C-alpha cells in the first residue's frame, strides 16, 4: 500500500467514523447477546430489562468492551509492520495568528 493510499484511507475513515462506530457498537452488543443466549452458564442473566433501553445498553457494552481491549489492541498494533516512511509521518506546520507555528489539526 502506498503512502497516498494510506492517506486516502485515513481521510475516509475520518469521514465515515460515526457510521463505523455505530456499526461496531451494534455488532459488539449483538454478539454479546448471542453469547449470553448460547452459553447456558449465563442463563441467570436477565436481558429483558436491559433491552428496554437499547441505546444505553449498547453504549455501555461498547464502553466496557473497549476498556477491556484497548491496551491489547494497542499492543497488537505496535507489533505490526509499519510500511509508512518516516517522512510521511511528519506533521504539517501552519502559522497561527501570533506568528508561531503549531501542528496542523485534523479538524475541519
PDB file of N, CA and C in Angstrom:
ATOM      1  N   UNK A   1       0.845  -1.163   0.000  1.00  0.00           N
ATOM      2  CA  UNK A   1       0.000   0.000   0.000  1.00  0.00           C
ATOM      3  C   UNK A   1       0.898   1.236   0.000  1.00  0.00           C
ATOM      4  N   UNK A   2       0.562   2.167  -0.839  1.00  0.00           N
ATOM      5  CA  UNK A   2       1.372   3.377  -0.960  1.00  0.00           C
ATOM      6  C   UNK A   2       0.986   4.386   0.130  1.00  0.00           C
ATOM      7  N   UNK A   3       1.870   5.329   0.420  1.00  0.00           N
ATOM      8  CA  UNK A   3       1.522   6.381   1.385  1.00  0.00           C
ATOM      9  C   UNK A   3       0.275   7.166   0.960  1.00  0.00           C
ATOM     10  N   UNK A   4       0.098   7.394  -0.335  1.00  0.00           N
ATOM     11  CA  UNK A   4      -1.093   8.106  -0.811  1.00  0.00           C
ATOM     12  C   UNK A   4      -2.362   7.311  -0.518  1.00  0.00           C
ATOM     13  N   UNK A   5      -2.296   5.990  -0.718  1.00  0.00           N
ATOM     14  CA  UNK A   5      -3.451   5.146  -0.427  1.00  0.00           C
ATOM     15  C   UNK A   5      -3.757   5.153   1.070  1.00  0.00           C
ATOM     16  N   UNK A   6      -2.721   5.073   1.885  1.00  0.00           N
ATOM     17  CA  UNK A   6      -2.921   5.111   3.332  1.00  0.00           C
ATOM     18  C   UNK A   6      -3.527   6.442   3.766  1.00  0.00           C
ATOM     19  N   UNK A   7      -3.051   7.524   3.169  1.00  0.00           N
ATOM     20  CA  UNK A   7      -3.588   8.846   3.489  1.00  0.00           C
ATOM     21  C   UNK A   7      -5.071   8.927   3.117  1.00  0.00           C
ATOM     22  N   UNK A   8      -5.426   8.426   1.947  1.00  0.00           N
ATOM     23  CA  UNK A   8      -6.815   8.456   1.491  1.00  0.00           C
ATOM     24  C   UNK A   8      -7.706   7.607   2.401  1.00  0.00           C
ATOM     25  N   UNK A   9      -7.212   6.438   2.802  1.00  0.00           N
ATOM     26  CA  UNK A   9      -7.979   5.579   3.712  1.00  0.00           C
ATOM     27  C   UNK A   9      -8.187   6.293   5.041  1.00  0.00           C
ATOM     28  N   UNK A  10      -7.153   6.949   5.550  1.00  0.00           N
ATOM     29  CA  UNK A  10      -7.282   7.700   6.800  1.00  0.00           C
ATOM     30  C   UNK A  10      -8.342   8.782   6.689  1.00  0.00           C
ATOM     31  N   UNK A  11      -8.360   9.492   5.569  1.00  0.00           N
ATOM     32  CA  UNK A  11      -9.365  10.531   5.349  1.00  0.00           C
ATOM     33  C   UNK A  11     -10.776   9.937   5.318  1.00  0.00           C
ATOM     34  N   UNK A  12     -10.922   8.795   4.630  1.00  0.00           N
ATOM     35  CA  UNK A  12     -12.234   8.164   4.525  1.00  0.00           C
ATOM     36  C   UNK A  12     -12.699   7.600   5.867  1.00  0.00           C
ATOM     37  N   UNK A  13     -11.775   7.051   6.656  1.00  0.00           N
ATOM     38  CA  UNK A  13     -12.124   6.565   7.993  1.00  0.00           C
ATOM     39  C   UNK A  13     -12.635   7.730   8.839  1.00  0.00           C
ATOM     40  N   UNK A  14     -11.952   8.869   8.751  1.00  0.00           N
ATOM     41  CA  UNK A  14     -12.394  10.047   9.495  1.00  0.00           C
ATOM     42  C   UNK A  14     -13.771  10.489   9.018  1.00  0.00           C
ATOM     43  N   UNK A  15     -13.985  10.473   7.709  1.00  0.00           N
ATOM     44  CA  UNK A  15     -15.265  10.893   7.141  1.00  0.00           C
ATOM     45  C   UNK A  15     -16.409   9.993   7.614  1.00  0.00           C
ATOM     46  N   UNK A  16     -16.183   8.682   7.614  1.00  0.00           N
ATOM     47  CA  UNK A  16     -17.229   7.725   7.949  1.00  0.00           C
ATOM     48  C   UNK A  16     -17.146   7.223   9.393  1.00  0.00           C
ATOM     49  N   UNK A  17     -16.377   7.895  10.236  1.00  0.00           N
ATOM     50  CA  UNK A  17     -16.131   7.434  11.594  1.00  0.00           C
ATOM     51  C   UNK A  17     -17.421   7.208  12.390  1.00  0.00           C
ATOM     52  N   UNK A  18     -18.357   8.121  12.323  1.00  0.00           N
ATOM     53  CA  UNK A  18     -19.592   7.994  13.107  1.00  0.00           C
ATOM     54  C   UNK A  18     -20.374   6.746  12.704  1.00  0.00           C
ATOM     55  N   UNK A  19     -20.450   6.482  11.404  1.00  0.00           N
ATOM     56  CA  UNK A  19     -21.174   5.310  10.922  1.00  0.00           C
ATOM     57  C   UNK A  19     -20.450   4.032  11.344  1.00  0.00           C
ATOM     58  N   UNK A  20     -19.123   4.018  11.206  1.00  0.00           N
ATOM     59  CA  UNK A  20     -18.346   2.845  11.591  1.00  0.00           C
ATOM     60  C   UNK A  20     -18.433   2.581  13.092  1.00  0.00           C
ATOM     61  N   UNK A  21     -18.407   3.641  13.886  1.00  0.00           N
ATOM     62  CA  UNK A  21     -18.519   3.488  15.332  1.00  0.00           C
ATOM     63  C   UNK A  21     -19.873   2.895  15.698  1.00  0.00           C
ATOM     64  N   UNK A  22     -20.927   3.380  15.067  1.00  0.00           N
ATOM     65  CA  UNK A  22     -22.261   2.841  15.323  1.00  0.00           C
ATOM     66  C   UNK A  22     -22.338   1.373  14.904  1.00  0.00           C
ATOM     67  N   UNK A  23     -21.765   1.030  13.762  1.00  0.00           N
ATOM     68  CA  UNK A  23     -21.763  -0.363  13.302  1.00  0.00           C
ATOM     69  C   UNK A  23     -21.030  -1.261  14.290  1.00  0.00           C
ATOM     70  N   UNK A  24     -19.892  -0.786  14.779  1.00  0.00           N
ATOM     71  CA  UNK A  24     -19.123  -1.573  15.732  1.00  0.00           C
ATOM     72  C   UNK A  24     -19.896  -1.733  17.040  1.00  0.00           C
ATOM     73  N   UNK A  25     -20.521  -0.669  17.481  1.00  0.00           N
ATOM     74  CA  UNK A  25     -21.308  -0.710  18.722  1.00  0.00           C
ATOM     75  C   UNK A  25     -22.422  -1.752  18.613  1.00  0.00           C
ATOM     76  N   UNK A  26     -23.137  -1.747  17.498  1.00  0.00           N
ATOM     77  CA  UNK A  26     -24.225  -2.703  17.293  1.00  0.00           C
ATOM     78  C   UNK A  26     -23.704  -4.141  17.182  1.00  0.00           C
ATOM     79  N   UNK A  27     -22.608  -4.322  16.454  1.00  0.00           N
ATOM     80  CA  UNK A  27     -22.052  -5.665  16.267  1.00  0.00           C
ATOM     81  C   UNK A  27     -21.580  -6.267  17.585  1.00  0.00           C
ATOM     82  N   UNK A  28     -20.886  -5.481  18.398  1.00  0.00           N
ATOM     83  CA  UNK A  28     -20.390  -5.986  19.685  1.00  0.00           C
ATOM     84  C   UNK A  28     -21.571  -6.321  20.598  1.00  0.00           C
ATOM     85  N   UNK A  29     -22.566  -5.457  20.656  1.00  0.00           N
ATOM     86  CA  UNK A  29     -23.722  -5.704  21.523  1.00  0.00           C
ATOM     87  C   UNK A  29     -24.504  -6.939  21.073  1.00  0.00           C
ATOM     88  N   UNK A  30     -24.714  -7.089  19.777  1.00  0.00           N
ATOM     89  CA  UNK A  30     -25.447  -8.251  19.287  1.00  0.00           C
ATOM     90  C   UNK A  30     -24.675  -9.546  19.511  1.00  0.00           C
ATOM     91  N   UNK A  31     -23.369  -9.518  19.294  1.00  0.00           N
ATOM     92  CA  UNK A  31     -22.558 -10.705  19.569  1.00  0.00           C
ATOM     93  C   UNK A  31     -22.586 -11.040  21.054  1.00  0.00           C
ATOM     94  N   UNK A  32     -22.559 -10.013  21.896  1.00  0.00           N
ATOM     95  CA  UNK A  32     -22.623 -10.213  23.338  1.00  0.00           C
ATOM     96  C   UNK A  32     -23.939 -10.897  23.723  1.00  0.00           C
ATOM     97  N   UNK A  33     -25.056 -10.416  23.183  1.00  0.00           N
ATOM     98  CA  UNK A  33     -26.361 -11.029  23.460  1.00  0.00           C
ATOM     99  C   UNK A  33     -26.363 -12.492  23.012  1.00  0.00           C
ATOM    100  N   UNK A  34     -25.860 -12.738  21.808  1.00  0.00           N
ATOM    101  CA  UNK A  34     -25.832 -14.107  21.293  1.00  0.00           C
ATOM    102  C   UNK A  34     -24.997 -15.023  22.180  1.00  0.00           C
ATOM    103  N   UNK A  35     -23.890 -14.542  22.688  1.00  0.00           N
ATOM    104  CA  UNK A  35     -23.052 -15.350  23.575  1.00  0.00           C
ATOM    105  C   UNK A  35     -23.773 -15.680  24.875  1.00  0.00           C
ATOM    106  N   UNK A  36     -24.507 -14.710  25.409  1.00  0.00           N
ATOM    107  CA  UNK A  36     -25.266 -14.964  26.640  1.00  0.00           C
ATOM    108  C   UNK A  36     -26.353 -15.999  26.392  1.00  0.00           C
ATOM    109  N   UNK A  37     -27.050 -15.854  25.275  1.00  0.00           N
ATOM    110  CA  UNK A  37     -28.128 -16.778  24.948  1.00  0.00           C
ATOM    111  C   UNK A  37     -27.584 -18.195  24.729  1.00  0.00           C
ATOM    112  N   UNK A  38     -26.466 -18.314  24.025  1.00  0.00           N
ATOM    113  CA  UNK A  38     -25.912 -19.627  23.708  1.00  0.00           C
ATOM    114  C   UNK A  38     -25.200 -20.301  24.882  1.00  0.00           C
ATOM    115  N   UNK A  39     -24.675 -19.509  25.796  1.00  0.00           N
ATOM    116  CA  UNK A  39     -23.917 -20.055  26.905  1.00  0.00           C
ATOM    117  C   UNK A  39     -24.853 -20.299  28.083  1.00  0.00           C
ATOM    118  N   UNK A  40     -25.181 -21.530  28.331  1.00  0.00           N
ATOM    119  CA  UNK A  40     -26.135 -21.863  29.396  1.00  0.00           C
ATOM    120  C   UNK A  40     -25.613 -21.486  30.792  1.00  0.00           C
ATOM    121  N   UNK A  41     -24.318 -21.337  30.945  1.00  0.00           N
ATOM    122  CA  UNK A  41     -23.760 -20.946  32.245  1.00  0.00           C
ATOM    123  C   UNK A  41     -24.224 -19.549  32.652  1.00  0.00           C
ATOM    124  N   UNK A  42     -24.593 -18.732  31.675  1.00  0.00           N
ATOM    125  CA  UNK A  42     -25.007 -17.355  31.947  1.00  0.00           C
ATOM    126  C   UNK A  42     -26.520 -17.174  31.892  1.00  0.00           C
ATOM    127  N   UNK A  43     -27.265 -18.263  31.987  1.00  0.00           N
ATOM    128  CA  UNK A  43     -28.723 -18.192  31.839  1.00  0.00           C
ATOM    129  C   UNK A  43     -29.400 -17.403  32.961  1.00  0.00           C
ATOM    130  N   UNK A  44     -28.713 -17.192  34.077  1.00  0.00           N
ATOM    131  CA  UNK A  44     -29.302 -16.419  35.166  1.00  0.00           C
ATOM    132  C   UNK A  44     -29.296 -14.918  34.885  1.00  0.00           C
ATOM    133  N   UNK A  45     -28.591 -14.494  33.839  1.00  0.00           N
ATOM    134  CA  UNK A  45     -28.536 -13.082  33.485  1.00  0.00           C
ATOM    135  C   UNK A  45     -29.794 -12.715  32.712  1.00  0.00           C
ATOM    136  N   UNK A  46     -30.527 -11.720  33.188  1.00  0.00           N
ATOM    137  CA  UNK A  46     -31.788 -11.310  32.578  1.00  0.00           C
ATOM    138  C   UNK A  46     -31.563 -10.169  31.592  1.00  0.00           C
ATOM    139  N   UNK A  47     -31.820 -10.423  30.312  1.00  0.00           N
ATOM    140  CA  UNK A  47     -31.612  -9.414  29.267  1.00  0.00           C
ATOM    141  C   UNK A  47     -32.817  -8.507  29.049  1.00  0.00           C
ATOM    142  N   UNK A  48     -33.978  -8.923  29.468  1.00  0.00           N
ATOM    143  CA  UNK A  48     -35.206  -8.193  29.160  1.00  0.00           C
ATOM    144  C   UNK A  48     -35.158  -6.734  29.604  1.00  0.00           C
ATOM    145  N   UNK A  49     -34.736  -6.476  30.821  1.00  0.00           N
ATOM    146  CA  UNK A  49     -34.693  -5.106  31.322  1.00  0.00           C
ATOM    147  C   UNK A  49     -33.682  -4.243  30.569  1.00  0.00           C
ATOM    148  N   UNK A  50     -32.535  -4.819  30.234  1.00  0.00           N
ATOM    149  CA  UNK A  50     -31.517  -4.069  29.513  1.00  0.00           C
ATOM    150  C   UNK A  50     -31.981  -3.683  28.114  1.00  0.00           C
ATOM    151  N   UNK A  51     -32.722  -4.556  27.495  1.00  0.00           N
ATOM    152  CA  UNK A  51     -33.145  -4.312  26.120  1.00  0.00           C
ATOM    153  C   UNK A  51     -34.244  -3.262  26.003  1.00  0.00           C
ATOM    154  N   UNK A  52     -34.827  -2.857  27.115  1.00  0.00           N
ATOM    155  CA  UNK A  52     -35.832  -1.792  27.075  1.00  0.00           C
ATOM    156  C   UNK A  52     -35.186  -0.454  26.708  1.00  0.00           C
ATOM    157  N   UNK A  53     -33.950  -0.257  27.104  1.00  0.00           N
ATOM    158  CA  UNK A  53     -33.209   0.965  26.772  1.00  0.00           C
ATOM    159  C   UNK A  53     -31.986   0.553  25.949  1.00  0.00           C
ATOM    160  N   UNK A  54     -32.227   0.181  24.699  1.00  0.00           N
ATOM    161  CA  UNK A  54     -31.162  -0.368  23.848  1.00  0.00           C
ATOM    162  C   UNK A  54     -29.995   0.594  23.674  1.00  0.00           C
ATOM    163  N   UNK A  55     -30.283   1.857  23.486  1.00  0.00           N
ATOM    164  CA  UNK A  55     -29.208   2.830  23.233  1.00  0.00           C
ATOM    165  C   UNK A  55     -28.225   2.872  24.397  1.00  0.00           C
ATOM    166  N   UNK A  56     -28.725   2.978  25.601  1.00  0.00           N
ATOM    167  CA  UNK A  56     -27.861   2.998  26.785  1.00  0.00           C
ATOM    168  C   UNK A  56     -27.122   1.665  26.927  1.00  0.00           C
ATOM    169  N   UNK A  57     -27.832   0.582  26.716  1.00  0.00           N
ATOM    170  CA  UNK A  57     -27.255  -0.756  26.794  1.00  0.00           C
ATOM    171  C   UNK A  57     -26.109  -0.911  25.792  1.00  0.00           C
ATOM    172  N   UNK A  58     -26.347  -0.551  24.538  1.00  0.00           N
ATOM    173  CA  UNK A  58     -25.315  -0.687  23.501  1.00  0.00           C
ATOM    174  C   UNK A  58     -24.086   0.169  23.816  1.00  0.00           C
ATOM    175  N   UNK A  59     -24.316   1.388  24.299  1.00  0.00           N
ATOM    176  CA  UNK A  59     -23.193   2.262  24.640  1.00  0.00           C
ATOM    177  C   UNK A  59     -22.369   1.689  25.789  1.00  0.00           C
ATOM    178  N   UNK A  60     -23.055   1.144  26.801  1.00  0.00           N
ATOM    179  CA  UNK A  60     -22.341   0.584  27.938  1.00  0.00           C
ATOM    180  C   UNK A  60     -21.528  -0.646  27.531  1.00  0.00           C
ATOM    181  N   UNK A  61     -22.119  -1.511  26.713  1.00  0.00           N
ATOM    182  CA  UNK A  61     -21.411  -2.716  26.258  1.00  0.00           C
ATOM    183  C   UNK A  61     -20.151  -2.327  25.483  1.00  0.00           C
ATOM    184  N   UNK A  62     -20.247  -1.388  24.553  1.00  0.00           N
ATOM    185  CA  UNK A  62     -19.084  -0.981  23.774  1.00  0.00           C
ATOM    186  C   UNK A  62     -18.034  -0.328  24.675  1.00  0.00           C
ATOM    187  N   UNK A  63     -18.468   0.503  25.613  1.00  0.00           N
ATOM    188  CA  UNK A  63     -17.528   1.152  26.522  1.00  0.00           C
ATOM    189  C   UNK A  63     -16.749   0.110  27.319  1.00  0.00           C
ATOM    190  N   UNK A  64     -17.437  -0.885  27.847  1.00  0.00           N
ATOM    191  CA  UNK A  64     -16.764  -1.937  28.618  1.00  0.00           C
ATOM    192  C   UNK A  64     -15.853  -2.778  27.728  1.00  0.00           C
ATOM    193  N   UNK A  65     -16.314  -3.082  26.526  1.00  0.00           N
ATOM    194  CA  UNK A  65     -15.502  -3.861  25.584  1.00  0.00           C
ATOM    195  C   UNK A  65     -14.208  -3.126  25.258  1.00  0.00           C
ATOM    196  N   UNK A  66     -14.311  -1.839  24.953  1.00  0.00           N
ATOM    197  CA  UNK A  66     -13.125  -1.045  24.629  1.00  0.00           C
ATOM    198  C   UNK A  66     -12.210  -0.879  25.838  1.00  0.00           C
ATOM    199  N   UNK A  67     -12.797  -0.732  27.017  1.00  0.00           N
ATOM    200  CA  UNK A  67     -11.993  -0.601  28.234  1.00  0.00           C
ATOM    201  C   UNK A  67     -11.134  -1.856  28.438  1.00  0.00           C
ATOM    202  N   UNK A  68     -11.733  -3.016  28.200  1.00  0.00           N
ATOM    203  CA  UNK A  68     -11.011  -4.271  28.387  1.00  0.00           C
ATOM    204  C   UNK A  68     -10.017  -4.573  27.279  1.00  0.00           C
ATOM    205  N   UNK A  69     -10.244  -4.042  26.097  1.00  0.00           N
ATOM    206  CA  UNK A  69      -9.436  -4.427  24.945  1.00  0.00           C
ATOM    207  C   UNK A  69      -8.549  -3.347  24.368  1.00  0.00           C
ATOM    208  N   UNK A  70      -8.667  -2.122  24.803  1.00  0.00           N
ATOM    209  CA  UNK A  70      -7.897  -1.052  24.171  1.00  0.00           C
ATOM    210  C   UNK A  70      -6.392  -1.264  24.308  1.00  0.00           C
ATOM    211  N   UNK A  71      -5.921  -1.729  25.450  1.00  0.00           N
ATOM    212  CA  UNK A  71      -4.479  -1.929  25.604  1.00  0.00           C
ATOM    213  C   UNK A  71      -3.988  -3.105  24.776  1.00  0.00           C
ATOM    214  N   UNK A  72      -4.796  -4.156  24.641  1.00  0.00           N
ATOM    215  CA  UNK A  72      -4.367  -5.295  23.822  1.00  0.00           C
ATOM    216  C   UNK A  72      -4.368  -4.940  22.342  1.00  0.00           C
ATOM    217  N   UNK A  73      -5.308  -4.112  21.912  1.00  0.00           N
ATOM    218  CA  UNK A  73      -5.331  -3.668  20.520  1.00  0.00           C
ATOM    219  C   UNK A  73      -4.111  -2.796  20.246  1.00  0.00           C
ATOM    220  N   UNK A  74      -3.812  -1.893  21.168  1.00  0.00           N
ATOM    221  CA  UNK A  74      -2.635  -1.043  21.019  1.00  0.00           C
ATOM    222  C   UNK A  74      -1.369  -1.881  20.969  1.00  0.00           C
ATOM    223  N   UNK A  75      -1.308  -2.895  21.805  1.00  0.00           N
ATOM    224  CA  UNK A  75      -0.146  -3.784  21.829  1.00  0.00           C
ATOM    225  C   UNK A  75       0.006  -4.510  20.492  1.00  0.00           C
ATOM    226  N   UNK A  76      -1.095  -4.992  19.938  1.00  0.00           N
ATOM    227  CA  UNK A  76      -1.062  -5.679  18.644  1.00  0.00           C
ATOM    228  C   UNK A  76      -0.640  -4.723  17.534  1.00  0.00           C
ATOM    229  N   UNK A  77      -1.115  -3.493  17.595  1.00  0.00           N
ATOM    230  CA  UNK A  77      -0.742  -2.513  16.570  1.00  0.00           C
ATOM    231  C   UNK A  77       0.759  -2.218  16.617  1.00  0.00           C
ATOM    232  N   UNK A  78       1.344  -2.207  17.810  1.00  0.00           N
ATOM    233  CA  UNK A  78       2.782  -1.964  17.927  1.00  0.00           C
ATOM    234  C   UNK A  78       3.592  -3.070  17.258  1.00  0.00           C
ATOM    235  N   UNK A  79       3.070  -4.284  17.271  1.00  0.00           N
ATOM    236  CA  UNK A  79       3.783  -5.428  16.693  1.00  0.00           C
ATOM    237  C   UNK A  79       3.690  -5.454  15.168  1.00  0.00           C
ATOM    238  N   UNK A  80       2.714  -4.760  14.611  1.00  0.00           N
ATOM    239  CA  UNK A  80       2.511  -4.777  13.167  1.00  0.00           C
ATOM    240  C   UNK A  80       3.640  -4.038  12.461  1.00  0.00           C
ATOM    241  N   UNK A  81       3.988  -4.527  11.293  1.00  0.00           N
ATOM    242  CA  UNK A  81       4.993  -3.854  10.486  1.00  0.00           C
ATOM    243  C   UNK A  81       4.396  -2.556   9.963  1.00  0.00           C
ATOM    244  N   UNK A  82       5.153  -1.489  10.037  1.00  0.00           N
ATOM    245  CA  UNK A  82       4.678  -0.180   9.590  1.00  0.00           C
ATOM    246  C   UNK A  82       5.392   0.201   8.299  1.00  0.00           C
ATOM    247  N   UNK A  83       4.720   0.050   7.156  1.00  0.00           N
ATOM    248  CA  UNK A  83       5.371   0.352   5.881  1.00  0.00           C
ATOM    249  C   UNK A  83       5.466   1.840   5.555  1.00  0.00           C
ATOM    250  N   UNK A  84       4.904   2.699   6.401  1.00  0.00           N
ATOM    251  CA  UNK A  84       4.906   4.132   6.126  1.00  0.00           C
ATOM    252  C   UNK A  84       6.294   4.690   6.420  1.00  0.00           C
ATOM    253  N   UNK A  85       6.806   5.457   5.483  1.00  0.00           N
ATOM    254  CA  UNK A  85       8.131   6.036   5.656  1.00  0.00           C
ATOM    255  C   UNK A  85       8.093   7.131   6.713  1.00  0.00           C
ATOM    256  N   UNK A  86       9.211   7.364   7.427  1.00  0.00           N
ATOM    257  CA  UNK A  86       9.233   8.405   8.460  1.00  0.00           C
ATOM    258  C   UNK A  86       8.893   9.789   7.923  1.00  0.00           C
ATOM    259  N   UNK A  87       9.233  10.086   6.675  1.00  0.00           N
ATOM    260  CA  UNK A  87       8.935  11.408   6.127  1.00  0.00           C
ATOM    261  C   UNK A  87       7.430  11.627   5.973  1.00  0.00           C
ATOM    262  N   UNK A  88       6.681  10.547   5.783  1.00  0.00           N
ATOM    263  CA  UNK A  88       5.231  10.658   5.634  1.00  0.00           C
ATOM    264  C   UNK A  88       4.570  11.013   6.963  1.00  0.00           C
ATOM    265  N   UNK A  89       5.190  10.648   8.081  1.00  0.00           N
ATOM    266  CA  UNK A  89       4.624  10.880   9.401  1.00  0.00           C
ATOM    267  C   UNK A  89       4.840  12.284   9.925  1.00  0.00           C
ATOM    268  N   UNK A  90       5.695  13.063   9.287  1.00  0.00           N
ATOM    269  CA  UNK A  90       5.959  14.407   9.788  1.00  0.00           C
ATOM    270  C   UNK A  90       4.676  15.216   9.777  1.00  0.00           C
ATOM    271  N   UNK A  91       4.448  15.958  10.860  1.00  0.00           N
ATOM    272  CA  UNK A  91       3.242  16.781  10.918  1.00  0.00           C
ATOM    273  C   UNK A  91       3.467  18.062  10.147  1.00  0.00           C
ATOM    274  N   UNK A  92       2.426  18.504   9.478  1.00  0.00           N
ATOM    275  CA  UNK A  92       2.497  19.749   8.741  1.00  0.00           C
ATOM    276  C   UNK A  92       2.396  20.898   9.726  1.00  0.00           C
ATOM    277  N   UNK A  93       3.107  21.970   9.450  1.00  0.00           N
ATOM    278  CA  UNK A  93       3.081  23.148  10.318  1.00  0.00           C
ATOM    279  C   UNK A  93       2.254  24.235   9.648  1.00  0.00           C
ATOM    280  N   UNK A  94       1.456  24.924  10.450  1.00  0.00           N
ATOM    281  CA  UNK A  94       0.684  26.058   9.944  1.00  0.00           C
ATOM    282  C   UNK A  94       0.945  27.239  10.848  1.00  0.00           C
ATOM    283  N   UNK A  95       0.821  28.443  10.308  1.00  0.00           N
ATOM    284  CA  UNK A  95       1.045  29.656  11.101  1.00  0.00           C
ATOM    285  C   UNK A  95      -0.190  29.960  11.934  1.00  0.00           C
ATOM    286  N   UNK A  96       0.051  30.413  13.139  1.00  0.00           N
ATOM    287  CA  UNK A  96      -1.042  30.860  13.990  1.00  0.00           C
ATOM    288  C   UNK A  96      -1.131  32.372  13.886  1.00  0.00           C
ATOM    289  N   UNK A  97      -2.106  32.947  14.556  1.00  0.00           N
ATOM    290  CA  UNK A  97      -2.285  34.408  14.496  1.00  0.00           C
ATOM    291  C   UNK A  97      -1.182  35.137  15.237  1.00  0.00           C
ATOM    292  N   UNK A  98      -0.438  34.449  16.092  1.00  0.00           N
ATOM    293  CA  UNK A  98       0.634  35.084  16.864  1.00  0.00           C
ATOM    294  C   UNK A  98       1.993  34.938  16.193  1.00  0.00           C
ATOM    295  N   UNK A  99       2.033  34.411  14.990  1.00  0.00           N
ATOM    296  CA  UNK A  99       3.283  34.269  14.260  1.00  0.00           C
ATOM    297  C   UNK A  99       4.072  33.027  14.614  1.00  0.00           C
ATOM    298  N   UNK A 100       3.575  32.230  15.541  1.00  0.00           N
ATOM    299  CA  UNK A 100       4.240  30.985  15.906  1.00  0.00           C
ATOM    300  C   UNK A 100       3.659  29.858  15.070  1.00  0.00           C
ATOM    301  N   UNK A 101       4.421  28.777  14.944  1.00  0.00           N
ATOM    302  CA  UNK A 101       3.906  27.637  14.209  1.00  0.00           C
ATOM    303  C   UNK A 101       3.368  26.610  15.176  1.00  0.00           C
ATOM    304  N   UNK A 102       2.368  25.875  14.733  1.00  0.00           N
ATOM    305  CA  UNK A 102       1.802  24.809  15.543  1.00  0.00           C
ATOM    306  C   UNK A 102       1.414  23.669  14.618  1.00  0.00           C
ATOM    307  N   UNK A 103       1.323  22.432  15.161  1.00  0.00           N
ATOM    308  CA  UNK A 103       0.917  21.308  14.308  1.00  0.00           C
ATOM    309  C   UNK A 103      -0.467  21.535  13.741  1.00  0.00           C
ATOM    310  N   UNK A 104      -0.659  21.125  12.509  1.00  0.00           N
ATOM    311  CA  UNK A 104      -1.950  21.263  11.857  1.00  0.00           C
ATOM    312  C   UNK A 104      -2.907  20.266  12.482  1.00  0.00           C
ATOM    313  N   UNK A 105      -4.079  20.724  12.862  1.00  0.00           N
ATOM    314  CA  UNK A 105      -5.049  19.818  13.471  1.00  0.00           C
ATOM    315  C   UNK A 105      -5.809  19.084  12.394  1.00  0.00           C
ATOM    316  N   UNK A 106      -6.397  17.947  12.803  1.00  0.00           N
ATOM    317  CA  UNK A 106      -7.158  17.145  11.862  1.00  0.00           C
ATOM    318  C   UNK A 106      -8.617  17.571  11.778  1.00  0.00           C
ATOM    319  N   UNK A 107      -8.990  18.647  12.450  1.00  0.00           N
ATOM    320  CA  UNK A 107     -10.379  19.087  12.407  1.00  0.00           C
ATOM    321  C   UNK A 107     -10.660  19.899  11.170  1.00  0.00           C
ATOM    322  N   UNK A 108     -11.911  19.985  10.839  1.00  0.00           N
ATOM    323  CA  UNK A 108     -12.321  20.722   9.649  1.00  0.00           C
ATOM    324  C   UNK A 108     -13.072  21.946   9.997  1.00  0.00           C
TER     325      UNK A 108
END
